[in-house]
C-alpha cells in the first residue's frame, strides 16, 4: 500500500472557501477516481491549512488516480468557478509514504 499526505495552504483570506470546496466538491469525487480518503485534519494554530491522508494499492494506482481526478471535466468546472476571484490555494505539499514494516501498521 502507498499512503499520501497532502497539505493545502490557503491563499490569504481564503481558508474557509478552500475547506468548503474540499468537503463539498473534492471529497465526494475521490472514490470515483480510485482515491481512498482516510482522514481530513485541521489544526487550530494553523487555520489556513488543511491536511488529508489517502491510500492507494500501488504507486501506479496513485499516479493514475490523480491523473484521472485532474482530468475530470466536472472538477475542472468547479475549480474554475470557485477561483473567479483568485486561487484558493497558495501552496500544496505532497508526501508519498510506503510502509517500512507492514507488520507494524495498526488497523
C-alpha atoms as a PDB file:
ATOM      1  CA  UNK A   1       0.000   0.000   0.000  1.00  0.00           C
ATOM      2  CA  UNK A   2       1.029   3.565  -0.692  1.00  0.00           C
ATOM      3  CA  UNK A   3      -0.063   6.394   1.581  1.00  0.00           C
ATOM      4  CA  UNK A   4      -0.092  10.055   0.723  1.00  0.00           C
ATOM      5  CA  UNK A   5      -0.293  13.098   2.960  1.00  0.00           C
ATOM      6  CA  UNK A   6      -1.333  16.328   1.284  1.00  0.00           C
ATOM      7  CA  UNK A   7      -1.191  19.684   2.994  1.00  0.00           C
ATOM      8  CA  UNK A   8      -3.030  22.585   1.417  1.00  0.00           C
ATOM      9  CA  UNK A   9      -2.198  26.132   2.461  1.00  0.00           C
ATOM     10  CA  UNK A  10      -4.922  28.636   1.640  1.00  0.00           C
ATOM     11  CA  UNK A  11      -4.385  31.936  -0.099  1.00  0.00           C
ATOM     12  CA  UNK A  12      -4.797  34.923   2.218  1.00  0.00           C
ATOM     13  CA  UNK A  13      -8.400  35.144   3.434  1.00  0.00           C
ATOM     14  CA  UNK A  14      -9.496  32.041   1.506  1.00  0.00           C
ATOM     15  CA  UNK A  15      -9.206  29.304   4.165  1.00  0.00           C
ATOM     16  CA  UNK A  16     -12.965  28.889   4.673  1.00  0.00           C
ATOM     17  CA  UNK A  17     -13.626  28.745   0.936  1.00  0.00           C
ATOM     18  CA  UNK A  18     -10.801  26.221   0.491  1.00  0.00           C
ATOM     19  CA  UNK A  19     -12.172  23.941   3.222  1.00  0.00           C
ATOM     20  CA  UNK A  20     -15.747  24.236   1.985  1.00  0.00           C
ATOM     21  CA  UNK A  21     -14.741  23.358  -1.580  1.00  0.00           C
ATOM     22  CA  UNK A  22     -12.710  20.405  -0.357  1.00  0.00           C
ATOM     23  CA  UNK A  23     -15.550  18.955   1.729  1.00  0.00           C
ATOM     24  CA  UNK A  24     -18.359  19.689  -0.737  1.00  0.00           C
ATOM     25  CA  UNK A  25     -16.629  19.083  -4.052  1.00  0.00           C
ATOM     26  CA  UNK A  26     -13.395  17.133  -3.649  1.00  0.00           C
ATOM     27  CA  UNK A  27     -14.321  14.509  -1.050  1.00  0.00           C
ATOM     28  CA  UNK A  28     -17.346  13.149  -2.971  1.00  0.00           C
ATOM     29  CA  UNK A  29     -15.282  12.845  -6.185  1.00  0.00           C
ATOM     30  CA  UNK A  30     -12.294  10.963  -4.742  1.00  0.00           C
ATOM     31  CA  UNK A  31     -13.747   7.406  -4.691  1.00  0.00           C
ATOM     32  CA  UNK A  32     -14.779   7.658  -8.344  1.00  0.00           C
ATOM     33  CA  UNK A  33     -11.139   8.179  -9.254  1.00  0.00           C
ATOM     34  CA  UNK A  34      -9.768   5.380  -7.073  1.00  0.00           C
ATOM     35  CA  UNK A  35      -8.645   7.610  -4.204  1.00  0.00           C
ATOM     36  CA  UNK A  36      -9.327   6.224  -0.731  1.00  0.00           C
ATOM     37  CA  UNK A  37      -9.608   9.062   1.777  1.00  0.00           C
ATOM     38  CA  UNK A  38      -8.536   8.000   5.273  1.00  0.00           C
ATOM     39  CA  UNK A  39      -8.867  11.304   7.110  1.00  0.00           C
ATOM     40  CA  UNK A  40      -9.050  15.095   6.879  1.00  0.00           C
ATOM     41  CA  UNK A  41      -7.428  17.256   9.538  1.00  0.00           C
ATOM     42  CA  UNK A  42      -7.072  20.870  10.613  1.00  0.00           C
ATOM     43  CA  UNK A  43      -5.033  22.390  13.419  1.00  0.00           C
ATOM     44  CA  UNK A  44      -6.373  25.410  15.339  1.00  0.00           C
ATOM     45  CA  UNK A  45      -2.955  27.084  15.332  1.00  0.00           C
ATOM     46  CA  UNK A  46      -2.719  26.706  11.531  1.00  0.00           C
ATOM     47  CA  UNK A  47      -6.119  27.996  10.412  1.00  0.00           C
ATOM     48  CA  UNK A  48      -5.121  28.341   6.772  1.00  0.00           C
ATOM     49  CA  UNK A  49      -4.063  24.702   6.379  1.00  0.00           C
ATOM     50  CA  UNK A  50      -5.910  21.530   5.531  1.00  0.00           C
ATOM     51  CA  UNK A  51      -4.192  18.155   5.777  1.00  0.00           C
ATOM     52  CA  UNK A  52      -5.541  14.885   4.444  1.00  0.00           C
ATOM     53  CA  UNK A  53      -4.407  11.294   4.181  1.00  0.00           C
ATOM     54  CA  UNK A  54      -5.128   8.959   1.270  1.00  0.00           C
ATOM     55  CA  UNK A  55      -4.247   5.355   0.429  1.00  0.00           C
ATOM     56  CA  UNK A  56      -3.581   3.536  -2.846  1.00  0.00           C
ATOM     57  CA  UNK A  57      -2.793  -0.060  -3.774  1.00  0.00           C
ATOM     58  CA  UNK A  58       0.407   0.949  -5.607  1.00  0.00           C
ATOM     59  CA  UNK A  59       2.398   3.904  -6.898  1.00  0.00           C
ATOM     60  CA  UNK A  60       0.977   3.334 -10.379  1.00  0.00           C
ATOM     61  CA  UNK A  61      -2.554   3.376  -8.954  1.00  0.00           C
ATOM     62  CA  UNK A  62      -1.761   6.648  -7.139  1.00  0.00           C
ATOM     63  CA  UNK A  63      -0.470   8.301 -10.310  1.00  0.00           C
ATOM     64  CA  UNK A  64      -3.421   7.081 -12.389  1.00  0.00           C
ATOM     65  CA  UNK A  65      -5.944   8.196  -9.762  1.00  0.00           C
ATOM     66  CA  UNK A  66      -4.612  11.745  -9.545  1.00  0.00           C
ATOM     67  CA  UNK A  67      -4.327  11.999 -13.335  1.00  0.00           C
ATOM     68  CA  UNK A  68      -7.953  10.902 -13.616  1.00  0.00           C
ATOM     69  CA  UNK A  69      -9.062  13.389 -10.948  1.00  0.00           C
ATOM     70  CA  UNK A  70      -7.174  16.249 -12.589  1.00  0.00           C
ATOM     71  CA  UNK A  71      -8.699  15.478 -15.986  1.00  0.00           C
ATOM     72  CA  UNK A  72     -12.284  15.290 -14.677  1.00  0.00           C
ATOM     73  CA  UNK A  73     -14.268  17.948 -16.591  1.00  0.00           C
ATOM     74  CA  UNK A  74     -16.753  18.409 -13.731  1.00  0.00           C
ATOM     75  CA  UNK A  75     -13.895  19.034 -11.285  1.00  0.00           C
ATOM     76  CA  UNK A  76     -12.265  21.469 -13.705  1.00  0.00           C
ATOM     77  CA  UNK A  77     -15.534  23.434 -13.935  1.00  0.00           C
ATOM     78  CA  UNK A  78     -15.994  23.515 -10.140  1.00  0.00           C
ATOM     79  CA  UNK A  79     -12.398  24.600  -9.624  1.00  0.00           C
ATOM     80  CA  UNK A  80     -12.654  27.371 -12.204  1.00  0.00           C
ATOM     81  CA  UNK A  81     -15.935  28.654 -10.774  1.00  0.00           C
ATOM     82  CA  UNK A  82     -14.534  28.696  -7.236  1.00  0.00           C
ATOM     83  CA  UNK A  83     -11.462  30.663  -8.311  1.00  0.00           C
ATOM     84  CA  UNK A  84     -13.016  33.558 -10.245  1.00  0.00           C
ATOM     85  CA  UNK A  85     -11.615  35.901  -7.567  1.00  0.00           C
ATOM     86  CA  UNK A  86      -8.236  34.187  -7.465  1.00  0.00           C
ATOM     87  CA  UNK A  87      -6.824  30.823  -6.408  1.00  0.00           C
ATOM     88  CA  UNK A  88      -7.873  29.231  -3.127  1.00  0.00           C
ATOM     89  CA  UNK A  89      -4.508  27.518  -2.642  1.00  0.00           C
ATOM     90  CA  UNK A  90      -1.267  29.365  -2.047  1.00  0.00           C
ATOM     91  CA  UNK A  91       0.792  26.193  -1.693  1.00  0.00           C
ATOM     92  CA  UNK A  92       0.470  22.428  -1.670  1.00  0.00           C
ATOM     93  CA  UNK A  93       2.790  19.831  -0.145  1.00  0.00           C
ATOM     94  CA  UNK A  94       2.590  16.172  -1.154  1.00  0.00           C
ATOM     95  CA  UNK A  95       4.355  13.407   0.782  1.00  0.00           C
ATOM     96  CA  UNK A  96       4.172   9.857  -0.565  1.00  0.00           C
ATOM     97  CA  UNK A  97       4.849   7.143   2.006  1.00  0.00           C
ATOM     98  CA  UNK A  98       5.457   3.418   1.744  1.00  0.00           C
ATOM     99  CA  UNK A  99       5.243   1.263   4.881  1.00  0.00           C
ATOM    100  CA  UNK A 100       8.711   0.443   6.198  1.00  0.00           C
ATOM    101  CA  UNK A 101       7.434  -2.566   8.123  1.00  0.00           C
ATOM    102  CA  UNK A 102       3.955  -3.760   7.123  1.00  0.00           C
ATOM    103  CA  UNK A 103       3.586  -5.823  10.286  1.00  0.00           C
ATOM    104  CA  UNK A 104       3.759  -2.666  12.381  1.00  0.00           C
ATOM    105  CA  UNK A 105       0.738  -0.988  10.780  1.00  0.00           C
ATOM    106  CA  UNK A 106      -2.280  -0.569  13.012  1.00  0.00           C
ATOM    107  CA  UNK A 107      -5.790  -1.299  11.804  1.00  0.00           C
END
